Amino acid sequence: MVAACSRRDRGSYLAIAGFAVVCLGVGWYWSLPLWVAGLYLAASLVCFVLYLVDKRRARTARRRVSERTLLLWGLVGGWPGAIVAQQIVRHKTQKTRFRRAFWLTVVVNVGLFVTLSSPAFDEVLGQLFSIR
């Protein structure tokens, strides 16, 4: 059974919607390869499953998925799946230290996404690796 969403929970879903807008903007102004969407989808699915596994193991007192693993998968692009899993199974939503670290990984991921997608980054790489 899914609990009713609080205002904070709706804000989490807004982060996903906001990222979708950022992706559309990046794709509109700078060409964005389709594989990037596939990478985020795959990482989100893995992250979603990891949260489900961790929740199940927490209930059965078995060895848990480490917070470091959950945060790493969020950092590499799985954070949208993590948000959905957090809200559906109500997992990792109360631990303040984890939530702060999680949102930091989201900010870092989105920042890297925009930076690595920008034409300016391509120019910097071209200058660094140009053969003269």
Protein backbone atom coordinates (compact mmCIF):
# COMPACT_ATOMS: atom_id res chain seq x y z
CA MET A 1 0.00 0.00 0.00
CA VAL A 2 1.34 3.42 -0.95
CA ALA A 3 1.12 6.18 1.63
CA ALA A 4 -0.32 9.57 0.74
CA CYS A 5 2.27 11.98 -0.62
CA SER A 6 3.33 14.86 1.57
CA ARG A 7 4.38 18.23 0.19
CA ARG A 8 8.04 17.19 0.45
CA ASP A 9 7.30 14.01 -1.50
CA ARG A 10 5.66 15.96 -4.33
CA GLY A 11 8.77 18.13 -4.43
CA SER A 12 10.83 15.03 -5.11
CA TYR A 13 8.72 14.23 -8.16
CA LEU A 14 9.06 17.85 -9.27
CA ALA A 15 12.82 17.32 -9.40
CA ILE A 16 12.26 14.62 -12.04
CA ALA A 17 9.94 16.90 -14.02
CA GLY A 18 12.46 19.74 -13.74
CA PHE A 19 15.22 17.49 -15.02
CA ALA A 20 13.03 16.47 -17.96
CA VAL A 21 12.70 20.18 -18.81
CA VAL A 22 16.49 20.61 -18.50
CA CYS A 23 16.99 17.61 -20.82
CA LEU A 24 14.58 19.05 -23.37
CA GLY A 25 16.35 22.40 -23.20
CA VAL A 26 19.78 20.83 -23.60
CA GLY A 27 18.49 18.69 -26.47
CA TRP A 28 16.93 21.73 -28.15
CA TYR A 29 19.93 24.04 -27.92
CA TRP A 30 22.74 21.50 -28.04
CA SER A 31 22.35 18.15 -29.71
CA LEU A 32 21.86 15.45 -27.11
CA PRO A 33 22.56 11.84 -28.14
CA LEU A 34 19.71 9.40 -27.58
CA TRP A 35 22.02 7.03 -25.67
CA VAL A 36 22.10 9.57 -22.81
CA ALA A 37 18.39 9.00 -22.19
CA GLY A 38 19.03 5.26 -22.31
CA LEU A 39 21.82 5.62 -19.76
CA TYR A 40 19.54 7.51 -17.35
CA LEU A 41 16.75 4.98 -17.87
CA ALA A 42 19.04 2.00 -17.27
CA ALA A 43 20.67 3.58 -14.20
CA SER A 44 17.24 4.51 -12.85
CA LEU A 45 15.98 0.95 -13.23
CA VAL A 46 19.05 -0.46 -11.48
CA CYS A 47 18.75 2.11 -8.69
CA PHE A 48 15.01 1.42 -8.30
CA VAL A 49 15.69 -2.32 -7.94
CA LEU A 50 18.51 -1.68 -5.44
CA TYR A 51 16.15 0.35 -3.24
CA LEU A 52 13.54 -2.42 -3.40
CA VAL A 53 16.15 -5.06 -2.50
CA ASP A 54 17.45 -2.92 0.36
CA LYS A 55 13.94 -2.37 1.72
CA ARG A 56 13.17 -6.09 1.58
CA ARG A 57 16.47 -6.95 3.27
CA ALA A 58 15.81 -4.35 5.97
CA ARG A 59 12.50 -6.03 6.77
CA THR A 60 14.02 -9.50 6.92
CA ALA A 61 17.16 -8.51 8.87
CA ARG A 62 19.49 -9.62 6.07
CA ARG A 63 22.64 -7.96 4.74
CA ARG A 64 21.68 -4.57 3.34
CA VAL A 65 22.68 -2.69 0.21
CA SER A 66 25.16 -0.06 1.37
CA GLU A 67 24.18 3.59 1.36
CA ARG A 68 27.35 4.24 -0.62
CA THR A 69 26.08 1.93 -3.38
CA LEU A 70 22.67 3.61 -3.42
CA LEU A 71 24.28 7.06 -3.60
CA LEU A 72 26.74 5.99 -6.30
CA TRP A 73 23.98 4.69 -8.54
CA GLY A 74 22.06 7.91 -7.95
CA LEU A 75 25.14 9.92 -8.87
CA VAL A 76 25.69 8.11 -12.17
CA GLY A 77 22.15 8.92 -13.25
CA GLY A 78 19.85 6.62 -11.33
CA TRP A 79 18.45 9.31 -9.04
CA PRO A 80 15.07 9.53 -10.85
CA GLY A 81 14.54 5.82 -10.18
CA ALA A 82 15.70 6.34 -6.60
CA ILE A 83 13.10 9.06 -6.06
CA VAL A 84 10.32 6.84 -7.37
CA ALA A 85 11.48 3.91 -5.22
CA GLN A 86 11.80 6.13 -2.13
CA GLN A 87 8.21 7.25 -2.52
CA ILE A 88 6.63 3.94 -3.55
CA VAL A 89 8.19 1.78 -0.83
CA ARG A 90 8.83 4.62 1.67
CA HIS A 91 12.50 3.79 1.93
CA LYS A 92 15.33 6.17 2.88
CA THR A 93 12.91 9.05 3.33
CA GLN A 94 13.45 9.77 7.04
CA LYS A 95 17.22 9.59 7.51
CA THR A 96 18.32 13.23 7.22
CA ARG A 97 22.01 12.51 6.64
CA PHE A 98 21.21 10.18 3.75
CA ARG A 99 18.68 12.58 2.22
CA ARG A 100 21.21 15.43 2.25
CA ALA A 101 23.84 13.23 0.61
CA PHE A 102 21.26 12.00 -1.91
CA TRP A 103 20.22 15.52 -2.95
CA LEU A 104 23.86 16.53 -3.21
CA THR A 105 24.40 13.67 -5.69
CA VAL A 106 21.37 14.86 -7.67
CA VAL A 107 22.76 18.41 -7.90
CA VAL A 108 26.21 17.12 -8.88
CA ASN A 109 24.73 14.79 -11.50
CA VAL A 110 22.59 17.49 -13.11
CA GLY A 111 25.50 19.93 -13.05
CA LEU A 112 27.76 17.39 -14.75
CA PHE A 113 25.02 16.57 -17.25
CA VAL A 114 24.70 20.20 -18.31
CA THR A 115 28.47 20.76 -18.32
CA LEU A 116 29.30 17.65 -20.33
CA SER A 117 26.47 18.41 -22.80
CA SER A 118 27.59 21.95 -23.53
CA PRO A 119 29.45 22.94 -26.70
CA ALA A 120 31.94 24.81 -24.49
CA PHE A 121 33.02 21.49 -22.97
CA ASP A 122 33.61 20.09 -26.48
CA GLU A 123 35.78 23.11 -27.27
CA VAL A 124 37.83 22.65 -24.10
CA LEU A 125 38.35 18.97 -24.90
CA GLY A 126 39.31 19.86 -28.47
CA GLN A 127 41.90 22.35 -27.23
CA LEU A 128 43.30 19.94 -24.65
CA PHE A 129 43.71 17.09 -27.11
CA SER A 130 44.53 18.93 -30.32
CA ILE A 131 47.66 17.85 -32.08
CA ARG A 132 49.86 20.73 -33.21
